[in-house]
Amino acid sequence: MEYQTKRGGRVILSDIQTYPKQDGWTPLEAMAKTISVETGITQALLKQNELADSVKDSDYSGFLVNFLREQIRDLKELGDHVTRLKRVGPGIGEYLYDKYSIMKK
């Protein structure tokens, strides 16, 4: 928003869609939904980057590249979590994965 305002743009905020079911998700379901949301964000950033390229706005395109790199890194990390959660299985496997994942940070 700060960048857009600095460049003379106007910020228009809208509601963020929520999922109807949030309570009782398994860790695997939560990670899958997170990947879905992050993929949508990545697609929106790619559209903005295409727009910046089409109008030859290299400053904005360069600005967006940082966010795209972060999105790719986050999607990889989430994908790794999904893979590991599938391997450990539900119940005690999820519990131990959660417990030891937090301790590594």
N, C-alpha and C. Protein backbone atom coordinates (compact mmCIF):
# COMPACT_ATOMS: atom_id res chain seq x y z
N MET A 1 0.83 -1.18 0.00
CA MET A 1 0.00 0.00 0.00
C MET A 1 0.88 1.25 0.00
N GLU A 2 1.95 1.18 0.79
CA GLU A 2 2.85 2.33 0.85
C GLU A 2 3.47 2.61 -0.52
N TYR A 3 3.90 1.54 -1.20
CA TYR A 3 4.51 1.68 -2.52
C TYR A 3 3.50 2.26 -3.52
N GLN A 4 2.29 1.75 -3.48
CA GLN A 4 1.25 2.21 -4.41
C GLN A 4 0.94 3.69 -4.17
N THR A 5 0.84 4.09 -2.94
CA THR A 5 0.56 5.48 -2.60
C THR A 5 1.72 6.38 -3.02
N LYS A 6 2.93 5.90 -2.79
CA LYS A 6 4.12 6.67 -3.16
C LYS A 6 4.18 6.93 -4.66
N ARG A 7 3.68 5.99 -5.44
CA ARG A 7 3.70 6.11 -6.90
C ARG A 7 2.48 6.84 -7.44
N GLY A 8 1.62 7.36 -6.55
CA GLY A 8 0.47 8.14 -6.99
C GLY A 8 -0.79 7.32 -7.17
N GLY A 9 -0.75 6.07 -6.76
CA GLY A 9 -1.92 5.21 -6.89
C GLY A 9 -2.86 5.36 -5.73
N ARG A 10 -3.97 4.67 -5.81
CA ARG A 10 -4.98 4.70 -4.76
C ARG A 10 -5.20 3.28 -4.26
N VAL A 11 -5.28 3.12 -2.97
CA VAL A 11 -5.47 1.81 -2.36
C VAL A 11 -6.95 1.57 -2.15
N ILE A 12 -7.42 0.44 -2.68
CA ILE A 12 -8.82 0.05 -2.49
C ILE A 12 -8.81 -1.31 -1.79
N LEU A 13 -9.34 -1.36 -0.59
CA LEU A 13 -9.36 -2.59 0.18
C LEU A 13 -10.70 -3.30 0.00
N SER A 14 -10.66 -4.61 0.00
CA SER A 14 -11.90 -5.39 -0.09
C SER A 14 -11.85 -6.50 0.95
N ASP A 15 -12.99 -7.14 1.16
CA ASP A 15 -13.07 -8.22 2.13
C ASP A 15 -12.23 -9.40 1.68
N ILE A 16 -11.70 -10.12 2.65
CA ILE A 16 -10.95 -11.34 2.37
C ILE A 16 -11.89 -12.51 2.60
N GLN A 17 -12.00 -13.37 1.60
CA GLN A 17 -12.90 -14.51 1.70
C GLN A 17 -12.38 -15.52 2.73
N THR A 18 -13.28 -16.02 3.55
CA THR A 18 -12.90 -17.05 4.52
C THR A 18 -13.54 -18.36 4.10
N TYR A 19 -12.99 -19.43 4.61
CA TYR A 19 -13.56 -20.74 4.35
C TYR A 19 -14.68 -21.01 5.33
N PRO A 20 -15.76 -21.63 4.89
CA PRO A 20 -16.89 -21.87 5.79
C PRO A 20 -16.52 -22.77 6.97
N LYS A 21 -15.67 -23.74 6.73
CA LYS A 21 -15.28 -24.65 7.81
C LYS A 21 -13.85 -24.30 8.24
N GLN A 22 -13.68 -24.02 9.50
CA GLN A 22 -12.33 -23.76 10.00
C GLN A 22 -12.03 -24.57 11.24
N ASP A 23 -13.03 -24.82 12.07
CA ASP A 23 -12.81 -25.60 13.27
C ASP A 23 -12.75 -27.08 12.93
N GLY A 24 -11.89 -27.78 13.58
CA GLY A 24 -11.81 -29.22 13.40
C GLY A 24 -11.02 -29.68 12.19
N TRP A 25 -10.30 -28.77 11.53
CA TRP A 25 -9.46 -29.18 10.42
C TRP A 25 -8.32 -30.04 10.94
N THR A 26 -7.95 -31.04 10.17
CA THR A 26 -6.74 -31.78 10.49
C THR A 26 -5.56 -30.91 10.06
N PRO A 27 -4.37 -31.16 10.58
CA PRO A 27 -3.22 -30.38 10.11
C PRO A 27 -3.02 -30.47 8.60
N LEU A 28 -3.30 -31.64 8.04
CA LEU A 28 -3.15 -31.80 6.60
C LEU A 28 -4.16 -30.94 5.84
N GLU A 29 -5.40 -30.89 6.31
CA GLU A 29 -6.42 -30.03 5.68
C GLU A 29 -6.03 -28.56 5.79
N ALA A 30 -5.53 -28.16 6.94
CA ALA A 30 -5.13 -26.77 7.14
C ALA A 30 -4.00 -26.38 6.19
N MET A 31 -3.03 -27.27 6.05
CA MET A 31 -1.91 -26.99 5.13
C MET A 31 -2.40 -26.93 3.69
N ALA A 32 -3.31 -27.82 3.31
CA ALA A 32 -3.84 -27.82 1.95
C ALA A 32 -4.60 -26.52 1.66
N LYS A 33 -5.40 -26.05 2.61
CA LYS A 33 -6.12 -24.78 2.42
C LYS A 33 -5.14 -23.61 2.34
N THR A 34 -4.09 -23.67 3.16
CA THR A 34 -3.09 -22.61 3.13
C THR A 34 -2.40 -22.56 1.77
N ILE A 35 -2.08 -23.73 1.22
CA ILE A 35 -1.47 -23.78 -0.10
C ILE A 35 -2.42 -23.18 -1.13
N SER A 36 -3.71 -23.47 -1.01
CA SER A 36 -4.71 -22.92 -1.93
C SER A 36 -4.72 -21.39 -1.88
N VAL A 37 -4.70 -20.84 -0.68
CA VAL A 37 -4.71 -19.38 -0.51
C VAL A 37 -3.41 -18.78 -1.07
N GLU A 38 -2.28 -19.38 -0.72
CA GLU A 38 -0.99 -18.86 -1.17
C GLU A 38 -0.86 -18.95 -2.69
N THR A 39 -1.42 -19.99 -3.30
CA THR A 39 -1.40 -20.12 -4.75
C THR A 39 -2.20 -18.99 -5.39
N GLY A 40 -3.34 -18.65 -4.79
CA GLY A 40 -4.14 -17.53 -5.29
C GLY A 40 -3.38 -16.21 -5.21
N ILE A 41 -2.67 -16.02 -4.12
CA ILE A 41 -1.86 -14.80 -3.97
C ILE A 41 -0.76 -14.76 -5.03
N THR A 42 -0.12 -15.90 -5.24
CA THR A 42 0.94 -15.98 -6.25
C THR A 42 0.38 -15.65 -7.64
N GLN A 43 -0.80 -16.18 -7.97
CA GLN A 43 -1.42 -15.89 -9.26
C GLN A 43 -1.72 -14.40 -9.41
N ALA A 44 -2.20 -13.78 -8.33
CA ALA A 44 -2.49 -12.34 -8.38
C ALA A 44 -1.20 -11.53 -8.59
N LEU A 45 -0.13 -11.94 -7.93
CA LEU A 45 1.15 -11.25 -8.11
C LEU A 45 1.68 -11.43 -9.53
N LEU A 46 1.50 -12.62 -10.08
CA LEU A 46 1.94 -12.86 -11.47
C LEU A 46 1.15 -12.00 -12.45
N LYS A 47 -0.15 -11.83 -12.21
CA LYS A 47 -0.96 -10.96 -13.08
C LYS A 47 -0.48 -9.52 -12.99
N GLN A 48 -0.17 -9.08 -11.78
CA GLN A 48 0.34 -7.71 -11.61
C GLN A 48 1.68 -7.55 -12.32
N ASN A 49 2.51 -8.59 -12.23
CA ASN A 49 3.81 -8.53 -12.89
C ASN A 49 3.66 -8.48 -14.40
N GLU A 50 2.71 -9.25 -14.95
CA GLU A 50 2.44 -9.19 -16.39
C GLU A 50 1.98 -7.79 -16.79
N LEU A 51 1.13 -7.19 -15.98
CA LEU A 51 0.66 -5.83 -16.25
C LEU A 51 1.82 -4.85 -16.24
N ALA A 52 2.69 -4.98 -15.24
CA ALA A 52 3.86 -4.09 -15.16
C ALA A 52 4.76 -4.26 -16.37
N ASP A 53 4.94 -5.50 -16.82
CA ASP A 53 5.76 -5.74 -18.01
C ASP A 53 5.11 -5.16 -19.27
N SER A 54 3.78 -5.27 -19.35
CA SER A 54 3.09 -4.79 -20.54
C SER A 54 3.16 -3.27 -20.69
N VAL A 55 3.24 -2.57 -19.57
CA VAL A 55 3.34 -1.10 -19.64
C VAL A 55 4.78 -0.63 -19.43
N LYS A 56 5.69 -1.61 -19.44
CA LYS A 56 7.13 -1.33 -19.31
C LYS A 56 7.48 -0.58 -18.02
N ASP A 57 6.87 -1.00 -16.92
CA ASP A 57 7.15 -0.41 -15.61
C ASP A 57 8.11 -1.34 -14.86
N SER A 58 9.38 -1.18 -15.15
CA SER A 58 10.38 -2.08 -14.57
C SER A 58 10.54 -1.88 -13.06
N ASP A 59 10.27 -0.67 -12.57
CA ASP A 59 10.35 -0.44 -11.12
C ASP A 59 9.32 -1.29 -10.38
N TYR A 60 8.10 -1.28 -10.87
CA TYR A 60 7.03 -2.06 -10.22
C TYR A 60 7.29 -3.56 -10.38
N SER A 61 7.74 -3.96 -11.54
CA SER A 61 8.05 -5.36 -11.78
C SER A 61 9.15 -5.83 -10.83
N GLY A 62 10.17 -5.03 -10.67
CA GLY A 62 11.25 -5.35 -9.74
C GLY A 62 10.77 -5.42 -8.31
N PHE A 63 9.85 -4.54 -7.96
CA PHE A 63 9.25 -4.54 -6.63
C PHE A 63 8.50 -5.85 -6.39
N LEU A 64 7.76 -6.30 -7.40
CA LEU A 64 6.96 -7.52 -7.26
C LEU A 64 7.81 -8.78 -7.20
N VAL A 65 8.96 -8.76 -7.82
CA VAL A 65 9.82 -9.95 -7.85
C VAL A 65 10.16 -10.41 -6.43
N ASN A 66 10.37 -9.48 -5.53
CA ASN A 66 10.68 -9.85 -4.14
C ASN A 66 9.53 -10.64 -3.51
N PHE A 67 8.31 -10.20 -3.77
CA PHE A 67 7.16 -10.91 -3.22
C PHE A 67 6.99 -12.27 -3.88
N LEU A 68 7.25 -12.34 -5.17
CA LEU A 68 7.13 -13.62 -5.87
C LEU A 68 8.15 -14.63 -5.35
N ARG A 69 9.35 -14.17 -5.10
CA ARG A 69 10.37 -15.07 -4.52
C ARG A 69 9.91 -15.60 -3.17
N GLU A 70 9.37 -14.73 -2.36
CA GLU A 70 8.87 -15.13 -1.04
C GLU A 70 7.73 -16.14 -1.17
N GLN A 71 6.83 -15.89 -2.12
CA GLN A 71 5.70 -16.80 -2.34
C GLN A 71 6.19 -18.19 -2.76
N ILE A 72 7.15 -18.24 -3.65
CA ILE A 72 7.69 -19.52 -4.11
C ILE A 72 8.33 -20.26 -2.95
N ARG A 73 9.09 -19.56 -2.15
CA ARG A 73 9.73 -20.18 -0.98
C ARG A 73 8.68 -20.70 0.01
N ASP A 74 7.64 -19.90 0.24
CA ASP A 74 6.57 -20.32 1.16
C ASP A 74 5.81 -21.53 0.63
N LEU A 75 5.50 -21.54 -0.68
CA LEU A 75 4.79 -22.67 -1.26
C LEU A 75 5.62 -23.95 -1.17
N LYS A 76 6.91 -23.84 -1.37
CA LYS A 76 7.80 -25.01 -1.24
C LYS A 76 7.77 -25.53 0.19
N GLU A 77 7.87 -24.64 1.16
CA GLU A 77 7.86 -25.03 2.56
C GLU A 77 6.53 -25.68 2.94
N LEU A 78 5.43 -25.11 2.49
CA LEU A 78 4.11 -25.70 2.77
C LEU A 78 3.97 -27.07 2.12
N GLY A 79 4.46 -27.20 0.90
CA GLY A 79 4.44 -28.49 0.22
C GLY A 79 5.24 -29.54 0.97
N ASP A 80 6.38 -29.13 1.51
CA ASP A 80 7.19 -30.04 2.33
C ASP A 80 6.43 -30.49 3.57
N HIS A 81 5.71 -29.56 4.20
CA HIS A 81 4.91 -29.92 5.38
C HIS A 81 3.83 -30.94 5.00
N VAL A 82 3.16 -30.71 3.88
CA VAL A 82 2.11 -31.64 3.44
C VAL A 82 2.70 -33.03 3.21
N THR A 83 3.83 -33.09 2.54
CA THR A 83 4.48 -34.38 2.29
C THR A 83 4.81 -35.08 3.60
N ARG A 84 5.38 -34.36 4.54
CA ARG A 84 5.75 -34.97 5.82
C ARG A 84 4.52 -35.39 6.62
N LEU A 85 3.48 -34.58 6.59
CA LEU A 85 2.26 -34.94 7.31
C LEU A 85 1.61 -36.19 6.73
N LYS A 86 1.68 -36.34 5.41
CA LYS A 86 1.16 -37.56 4.79
C LYS A 86 1.98 -38.77 5.22
N ARG A 87 3.29 -38.59 5.35
CA ARG A 87 4.16 -39.69 5.75
C ARG A 87 3.91 -40.14 7.18
N VAL A 88 3.74 -39.18 8.10
CA VAL A 88 3.60 -39.55 9.52
C VAL A 88 2.21 -40.06 9.84
N GLY A 89 1.22 -39.68 9.06
CA GLY A 89 -0.14 -40.14 9.29
C GLY A 89 -0.83 -39.39 10.41
N PRO A 90 -2.13 -39.66 10.57
CA PRO A 90 -2.92 -38.97 11.60
C PRO A 90 -2.60 -39.47 13.01
N GLY A 91 -3.12 -38.73 13.97
CA GLY A 91 -2.98 -39.14 15.38
C GLY A 91 -1.62 -38.81 15.95
N ILE A 92 -0.95 -39.83 16.50
CA ILE A 92 0.32 -39.61 17.19
C ILE A 92 1.39 -39.07 16.23
N GLY A 93 1.31 -39.48 14.95
CA GLY A 93 2.27 -38.98 13.96
C GLY A 93 2.17 -37.48 13.81
N GLU A 94 0.95 -36.95 13.70
CA GLU A 94 0.74 -35.50 13.59
C GLU A 94 1.21 -34.80 14.86
N TYR A 95 0.91 -35.39 16.00
CA TYR A 95 1.30 -34.80 17.27
C TYR A 95 2.83 -34.67 17.34
N LEU A 96 3.53 -35.75 17.05
CA LEU A 96 4.99 -35.73 17.13
C LEU A 96 5.59 -34.80 16.09
N TYR A 97 5.01 -34.78 14.90
CA TYR A 97 5.50 -33.87 13.86
C TYR A 97 5.38 -32.42 14.33
N ASP A 98 4.22 -32.09 14.88
CA ASP A 98 3.99 -30.74 15.39
C ASP A 98 4.97 -30.42 16.51
N LYS A 99 5.11 -31.32 17.43
CA LYS A 99 5.99 -31.10 18.59
C LYS A 99 7.44 -30.86 18.17
N TYR A 100 7.96 -31.69 17.29
CA TYR A 100 9.36 -31.55 16.91
C TYR A 100 9.59 -30.48 15.85
N SER A 101 8.57 -30.13 15.09
CA SER A 101 8.71 -29.03 14.13
C SER A 101 8.85 -27.70 14.85
N ILE A 102 8.11 -27.53 15.93
CA ILE A 102 8.17 -26.29 16.71
C ILE A 102 9.52 -26.17 17.40
N MET A 103 10.05 -27.28 17.88
CA MET A 103 11.32 -27.25 18.61
C MET A 103 12.49 -26.88 17.71
N LYS A 104 12.39 -27.14 16.41
CA LYS A 104 13.48 -26.83 15.48
C LYS A 104 13.63 -25.35 15.23
N LYS A 105 12.56 -24.59 15.43
CA LYS A 105 12.59 -23.16 15.11
C LYS A 105 13.35 -22.36 16.11
